[in-house]
Amino acid sequence: MDQQNEYLSEGGADKLRKQIMRRVTTRWMLTKKLPQVAAEFGLITFLVLSARPRIFFGAVFDNAYQAAISGPVSLAKFVLFAFANTTPGVKMLLAVVTVIGIMMVRDLYAARRYASILK
């Protein structure tokens, strides 16, 4: 009975509204955004794994690390030269992975924005 009176009070109505909205938003994130982000992540993983025979990721990361030690300008030069001197298939793969990554970040940011409204 005391709990009912708490919800009927002035501050209790706001508390009840926040509880309901938190549940609605959680369900929305689990049913709409989580599968979408998981599918995007799965697609990126599939694309990267299928590119492994043509791209030696270990060598690319090692060279990028060496360039990063030299400084940000050296790293930027490495990225530009590596992209300019790769095959068109790898350029398309990088473009697709970049677009999907941007979409994934956008979805996560939107979900985070909705979650922050409830606090």
N, C-alpha and C. Protein backbone atom coordinates (compact mmCIF):
# COMPACT_ATOMS: atom_id res chain seq x y z
N MET A 1 0.82 -1.19 0.00
CA MET A 1 0.00 0.00 0.00
C MET A 1 0.86 1.26 0.00
N ASP A 2 1.96 1.21 0.74
CA ASP A 2 2.85 2.37 0.78
C ASP A 2 3.47 2.63 -0.59
N GLN A 3 3.74 1.56 -1.31
CA GLN A 3 4.33 1.72 -2.64
C GLN A 3 3.35 2.40 -3.59
N GLN A 4 2.06 2.08 -3.48
CA GLN A 4 1.06 2.73 -4.32
C GLN A 4 0.99 4.22 -4.01
N ASN A 5 1.05 4.57 -2.75
CA ASN A 5 1.02 5.98 -2.38
C ASN A 5 2.25 6.71 -2.90
N GLU A 6 3.38 6.00 -2.92
CA GLU A 6 4.61 6.62 -3.43
C GLU A 6 4.46 6.96 -4.91
N TYR A 7 3.85 6.08 -5.68
CA TYR A 7 3.66 6.32 -7.10
C TYR A 7 2.61 7.41 -7.36
N LEU A 8 1.69 7.56 -6.45
CA LEU A 8 0.66 8.57 -6.63
C LEU A 8 1.14 9.96 -6.24
N SER A 9 2.22 10.03 -5.49
CA SER A 9 2.72 11.34 -5.09
C SER A 9 3.34 12.07 -6.28
N GLU A 10 3.69 13.32 -6.08
CA GLU A 10 4.23 14.17 -7.15
C GLU A 10 5.52 13.60 -7.73
N GLY A 11 6.47 13.25 -6.89
CA GLY A 11 7.75 12.70 -7.36
C GLY A 11 7.62 11.27 -7.82
N GLY A 12 6.64 10.56 -7.31
CA GLY A 12 6.46 9.16 -7.68
C GLY A 12 6.00 8.99 -9.11
N ALA A 13 5.22 9.92 -9.61
CA ALA A 13 4.76 9.83 -11.00
C ALA A 13 5.94 9.93 -11.95
N ASP A 14 6.88 10.81 -11.65
CA ASP A 14 8.08 10.94 -12.48
C ASP A 14 8.93 9.67 -12.40
N LYS A 15 9.03 9.11 -11.20
CA LYS A 15 9.79 7.88 -11.02
C LYS A 15 9.16 6.73 -11.80
N LEU A 16 7.84 6.63 -11.75
CA LEU A 16 7.13 5.59 -12.48
C LEU A 16 7.31 5.76 -13.98
N ARG A 17 7.22 7.01 -14.46
CA ARG A 17 7.40 7.27 -15.89
C ARG A 17 8.79 6.86 -16.34
N LYS A 18 9.81 7.16 -15.53
CA LYS A 18 11.18 6.79 -15.88
C LYS A 18 11.36 5.28 -15.90
N GLN A 19 10.75 4.58 -14.95
CA GLN A 19 10.84 3.12 -14.93
C GLN A 19 10.20 2.53 -16.18
N ILE A 20 9.03 3.01 -16.54
CA ILE A 20 8.34 2.50 -17.72
C ILE A 20 9.14 2.80 -18.98
N MET A 21 9.65 4.01 -19.11
CA MET A 21 10.42 4.38 -20.30
C MET A 21 11.73 3.59 -20.37
N ARG A 22 12.34 3.30 -19.25
CA ARG A 22 13.57 2.50 -19.23
C ARG A 22 13.27 1.10 -19.76
N ARG A 23 12.15 0.53 -19.34
CA ARG A 23 11.78 -0.80 -19.82
C ARG A 23 11.45 -0.79 -21.31
N VAL A 24 10.73 0.23 -21.75
CA VAL A 24 10.38 0.35 -23.17
C VAL A 24 11.64 0.50 -24.02
N THR A 25 12.55 1.36 -23.58
CA THR A 25 13.78 1.59 -24.34
C THR A 25 14.66 0.36 -24.34
N THR A 26 14.74 -0.34 -23.23
CA THR A 26 15.53 -1.57 -23.18
C THR A 26 14.98 -2.60 -24.14
N ARG A 27 13.68 -2.77 -24.16
CA ARG A 27 13.07 -3.72 -25.09
C ARG A 27 13.30 -3.29 -26.53
N TRP A 28 13.19 -1.99 -26.81
CA TRP A 28 13.43 -1.47 -28.16
C TRP A 28 14.87 -1.75 -28.59
N MET A 29 15.82 -1.52 -27.68
CA MET A 29 17.22 -1.76 -28.02
C MET A 29 17.47 -3.24 -28.28
N LEU A 30 16.86 -4.10 -27.48
CA LEU A 30 17.09 -5.54 -27.64
C LEU A 30 16.42 -6.09 -28.88
N THR A 31 15.28 -5.52 -29.28
CA THR A 31 14.57 -6.08 -30.43
C THR A 31 14.91 -5.41 -31.75
N LYS A 32 15.31 -4.15 -31.72
CA LYS A 32 15.55 -3.42 -32.97
C LYS A 32 17.04 -3.17 -33.23
N LYS A 33 17.72 -2.57 -32.29
CA LYS A 33 19.09 -2.13 -32.53
C LYS A 33 20.12 -3.24 -32.35
N LEU A 34 19.96 -4.08 -31.34
CA LEU A 34 20.96 -5.12 -31.10
C LEU A 34 21.09 -6.07 -32.28
N PRO A 35 20.00 -6.59 -32.86
CA PRO A 35 20.17 -7.45 -34.04
C PRO A 35 20.80 -6.73 -35.22
N GLN A 36 20.47 -5.46 -35.39
CA GLN A 36 21.03 -4.69 -36.50
C GLN A 36 22.53 -4.51 -36.32
N VAL A 37 22.97 -4.13 -35.13
CA VAL A 37 24.40 -3.95 -34.87
C VAL A 37 25.12 -5.29 -34.95
N ALA A 38 24.50 -6.36 -34.45
CA ALA A 38 25.12 -7.68 -34.53
C ALA A 38 25.28 -8.13 -35.99
N ALA A 39 24.29 -7.85 -36.82
CA ALA A 39 24.39 -8.20 -38.24
C ALA A 39 25.49 -7.40 -38.93
N GLU A 40 25.59 -6.11 -38.61
CA GLU A 40 26.65 -5.29 -39.19
C GLU A 40 28.02 -5.78 -38.75
N PHE A 41 28.16 -6.11 -37.48
CA PHE A 41 29.43 -6.64 -36.97
C PHE A 41 29.76 -7.97 -37.63
N GLY A 42 28.75 -8.83 -37.78
CA GLY A 42 28.97 -10.11 -38.45
C GLY A 42 29.38 -9.95 -39.90
N LEU A 43 28.79 -8.99 -40.59
CA LEU A 43 29.15 -8.73 -41.98
C LEU A 43 30.59 -8.23 -42.09
N ILE A 44 30.99 -7.33 -41.21
CA ILE A 44 32.37 -6.85 -41.21
C ILE A 44 33.33 -8.01 -40.94
N THR A 45 33.00 -8.85 -39.97
CA THR A 45 33.84 -10.00 -39.66
C THR A 45 33.95 -10.93 -40.85
N PHE A 46 32.84 -11.22 -41.52
CA PHE A 46 32.86 -12.08 -42.70
C PHE A 46 33.74 -11.49 -43.80
N LEU A 47 33.59 -10.19 -44.06
CA LEU A 47 34.38 -9.55 -45.11
C LEU A 47 35.87 -9.57 -44.79
N VAL A 48 36.22 -9.31 -43.55
CA VAL A 48 37.63 -9.32 -43.18
C VAL A 48 38.20 -10.73 -43.26
N LEU A 49 37.45 -11.71 -42.80
CA LEU A 49 37.94 -13.09 -42.87
C LEU A 49 38.05 -13.59 -44.30
N SER A 50 37.15 -13.16 -45.16
CA SER A 50 37.24 -13.58 -46.56
C SER A 50 38.38 -12.88 -47.28
N ALA A 51 38.85 -11.75 -46.77
CA ALA A 51 39.96 -11.03 -47.40
C ALA A 51 41.32 -11.49 -46.89
N ARG A 52 41.36 -12.35 -45.90
CA ARG A 52 42.63 -12.78 -45.32
C ARG A 52 43.60 -13.39 -46.33
N PRO A 53 43.14 -14.17 -47.31
CA PRO A 53 44.12 -14.72 -48.27
C PRO A 53 44.80 -13.65 -49.13
N ARG A 54 44.14 -12.51 -49.32
CA ARG A 54 44.71 -11.48 -50.19
C ARG A 54 45.38 -10.35 -49.42
N ILE A 55 45.02 -10.17 -48.16
CA ILE A 55 45.59 -9.09 -47.35
C ILE A 55 46.31 -9.72 -46.16
N PHE A 56 47.57 -9.39 -45.99
CA PHE A 56 48.34 -9.89 -44.86
C PHE A 56 48.22 -8.88 -43.72
N PHE A 57 47.18 -9.07 -42.91
CA PHE A 57 46.86 -8.09 -41.87
C PHE A 57 48.00 -7.92 -40.87
N GLY A 58 48.71 -8.99 -40.57
CA GLY A 58 49.84 -8.89 -39.63
C GLY A 58 50.89 -7.93 -40.14
N ALA A 59 51.24 -8.04 -41.42
CA ALA A 59 52.24 -7.14 -42.01
C ALA A 59 51.72 -5.71 -42.07
N VAL A 60 50.45 -5.55 -42.40
CA VAL A 60 49.87 -4.20 -42.47
C VAL A 60 49.90 -3.54 -41.10
N PHE A 61 49.48 -4.26 -40.06
CA PHE A 61 49.47 -3.69 -38.72
C PHE A 61 50.89 -3.42 -38.21
N ASP A 62 51.83 -4.32 -38.54
CA ASP A 62 53.22 -4.10 -38.13
C ASP A 62 53.79 -2.85 -38.79
N ASN A 63 53.55 -2.69 -40.08
CA ASN A 63 54.03 -1.50 -40.78
C ASN A 63 53.34 -0.23 -40.26
N ALA A 64 52.05 -0.33 -39.97
CA ALA A 64 51.34 0.83 -39.42
C ALA A 64 51.88 1.19 -38.04
N TYR A 65 52.20 0.19 -37.25
CA TYR A 65 52.78 0.45 -35.92
C TYR A 65 54.13 1.14 -36.05
N GLN A 66 54.95 0.65 -36.97
CA GLN A 66 56.27 1.27 -37.19
C GLN A 66 56.11 2.72 -37.65
N ALA A 67 55.13 2.97 -38.51
CA ALA A 67 54.89 4.34 -38.96
C ALA A 67 54.35 5.21 -37.83
N ALA A 68 53.52 4.63 -36.97
CA ALA A 68 52.94 5.40 -35.86
C ALA A 68 54.00 5.79 -34.85
N ILE A 69 55.01 4.95 -34.67
CA ILE A 69 56.09 5.29 -33.76
C ILE A 69 56.83 6.53 -34.26
N SER A 70 56.96 6.63 -35.57
CA SER A 70 57.67 7.78 -36.16
C SER A 70 56.89 9.08 -36.00
N GLY A 71 55.59 9.00 -35.88
CA GLY A 71 54.79 10.21 -35.70
C GLY A 71 53.51 10.16 -36.50
N PRO A 72 52.59 11.06 -36.21
CA PRO A 72 51.29 11.05 -36.90
C PRO A 72 51.39 11.37 -38.39
N VAL A 73 52.35 12.21 -38.78
CA VAL A 73 52.51 12.53 -40.20
C VAL A 73 52.97 11.29 -40.96
N SER A 74 53.89 10.55 -40.36
CA SER A 74 54.38 9.32 -40.98
C SER A 74 53.26 8.29 -41.10
N LEU A 75 52.41 8.20 -40.08
CA LEU A 75 51.28 7.27 -40.14
C LEU A 75 50.30 7.67 -41.23
N ALA A 76 50.02 8.96 -41.35
CA ALA A 76 49.12 9.44 -42.41
C ALA A 76 49.69 9.13 -43.79
N LYS A 77 50.99 9.33 -43.97
CA LYS A 77 51.63 9.00 -45.25
C LYS A 77 51.51 7.51 -45.54
N PHE A 78 51.74 6.69 -44.52
CA PHE A 78 51.65 5.24 -44.71
C PHE A 78 50.24 4.85 -45.16
N VAL A 79 49.23 5.37 -44.49
CA VAL A 79 47.84 5.03 -44.83
C VAL A 79 47.52 5.45 -46.26
N LEU A 80 47.92 6.66 -46.62
CA LEU A 80 47.64 7.14 -47.98
C LEU A 80 48.38 6.33 -49.04
N PHE A 81 49.66 6.05 -48.82
CA PHE A 81 50.43 5.28 -49.80
C PHE A 81 49.94 3.84 -49.88
N ALA A 82 49.59 3.25 -48.73
CA ALA A 82 49.09 1.87 -48.73
C ALA A 82 47.77 1.78 -49.48
N PHE A 83 46.90 2.76 -49.28
CA PHE A 83 45.61 2.76 -49.97
C PHE A 83 45.80 3.01 -51.47
N ALA A 84 46.71 3.90 -51.82
CA ALA A 84 46.92 4.23 -53.23
C ALA A 84 47.54 3.07 -54.01
N ASN A 85 48.32 2.24 -53.34
CA ASN A 85 49.05 1.18 -54.03
C ASN A 85 48.43 -0.20 -53.86
N THR A 86 47.18 -0.27 -53.48
CA THR A 86 46.52 -1.57 -53.33
C THR A 86 45.62 -1.83 -54.53
N THR A 87 45.09 -3.03 -54.61
CA THR A 87 44.25 -3.43 -55.74
C THR A 87 42.85 -2.82 -55.61
N PRO A 88 42.12 -2.71 -56.72
CA PRO A 88 40.76 -2.16 -56.65
C PRO A 88 39.83 -2.98 -55.76
N GLY A 89 40.00 -4.30 -55.74
CA GLY A 89 39.16 -5.13 -54.88
C GLY A 89 39.34 -4.81 -53.41
N VAL A 90 40.58 -4.59 -53.01
CA VAL A 90 40.86 -4.25 -51.62
C VAL A 90 40.33 -2.85 -51.30
N LYS A 91 40.41 -1.94 -52.26
CA LYS A 91 39.85 -0.59 -52.05
C LYS A 91 38.34 -0.65 -51.86
N MET A 92 37.67 -1.48 -52.67
CA MET A 92 36.21 -1.62 -52.50
C MET A 92 35.89 -2.26 -51.16
N LEU A 93 36.66 -3.27 -50.78
CA LEU A 93 36.44 -3.92 -49.49
C LEU A 93 36.60 -2.91 -48.35
N LEU A 94 37.64 -2.10 -48.42
CA LEU A 94 37.86 -1.09 -47.39
C LEU A 94 36.72 -0.08 -47.37
N ALA A 95 36.22 0.30 -48.53
CA ALA A 95 35.11 1.26 -48.59
C ALA A 95 33.85 0.65 -47.96
N VAL A 96 33.56 -0.60 -48.28
CA VAL A 96 32.37 -1.26 -47.73
C VAL A 96 32.49 -1.40 -46.22
N VAL A 97 33.65 -1.84 -45.74
CA VAL A 97 33.85 -2.00 -44.30
C VAL A 97 33.75 -0.65 -43.60
N THR A 98 34.26 0.40 -44.22
CA THR A 98 34.16 1.74 -43.64
C THR A 98 32.71 2.20 -43.53
N VAL A 99 31.94 2.00 -44.59
CA VAL A 99 30.53 2.41 -44.58
C VAL A 99 29.75 1.63 -43.52
N ILE A 100 29.97 0.33 -43.46
CA ILE A 100 29.27 -0.49 -42.46
C ILE A 100 29.71 -0.09 -41.05
N GLY A 101 30.99 0.20 -40.88
CA GLY A 101 31.48 0.65 -39.58
C GLY A 101 30.85 1.96 -39.15
N ILE A 102 30.71 2.89 -40.09
CA ILE A 102 30.06 4.17 -39.79
C ILE A 102 28.60 3.94 -39.41
N MET A 103 27.92 3.05 -40.12
CA MET A 103 26.53 2.74 -39.79
C MET A 103 26.43 2.13 -38.39
N MET A 104 27.38 1.26 -38.05
CA MET A 104 27.36 0.62 -36.75
C MET A 104 27.59 1.66 -35.64
N VAL A 105 28.54 2.55 -35.84
CA VAL A 105 28.79 3.61 -34.85
C VAL A 105 27.57 4.50 -34.71
N ARG A 106 26.91 4.81 -35.83
CA ARG A 106 25.70 5.64 -35.80
C ARG A 106 24.61 4.96 -34.98
N ASP A 107 24.42 3.65 -35.19
CA ASP A 107 23.39 2.92 -34.45
C ASP A 107 23.71 2.86 -32.96
N LEU A 108 24.97 2.62 -32.63
CA LEU A 108 25.35 2.57 -31.22
C LEU A 108 25.20 3.94 -30.57
N TYR A 109 25.53 5.00 -31.29
CA TYR A 109 25.37 6.35 -30.76
C TYR A 109 23.89 6.67 -30.53
N ALA A 110 23.04 6.26 -31.46
CA ALA A 110 21.60 6.51 -31.30
C ALA A 110 21.06 5.76 -30.09
N ALA A 111 21.49 4.51 -29.92
CA ALA A 111 21.03 3.73 -28.77
C ALA A 111 21.54 4.35 -27.47
N ARG A 112 22.77 4.84 -27.48
CA ARG A 112 23.33 5.47 -26.28
C ARG A 112 22.60 6.77 -25.97
N ARG A 113 22.25 7.52 -27.01
CA ARG A 113 21.53 8.78 -26.81
C ARG A 113 20.17 8.51 -26.18
N TYR A 114 19.46 7.49 -26.65
CA TYR A 114 18.16 7.16 -26.07
C TYR A 114 18.31 6.68 -24.63
N ALA A 115 19.38 5.94 -24.36
CA ALA A 115 19.59 5.45 -23.00
C ALA A 115 19.92 6.61 -22.06
N SER A 116 20.63 7.62 -22.55
CA SER A 116 20.99 8.74 -21.68
C SER A 116 19.79 9.62 -21.35
N ILE A 117 18.77 9.60 -22.18
CA ILE A 117 17.56 10.38 -21.91
C ILE A 117 16.88 9.88 -20.64
N LEU A 118 17.00 8.58 -20.39
CA LEU A 118 16.28 7.98 -19.26
C LEU A 118 16.94 8.24 -17.92
N LYS A 119 18.16 8.71 -17.91
CA LYS A 119 18.86 8.89 -16.63
C LYS A 119 18.48 10.16 -15.96
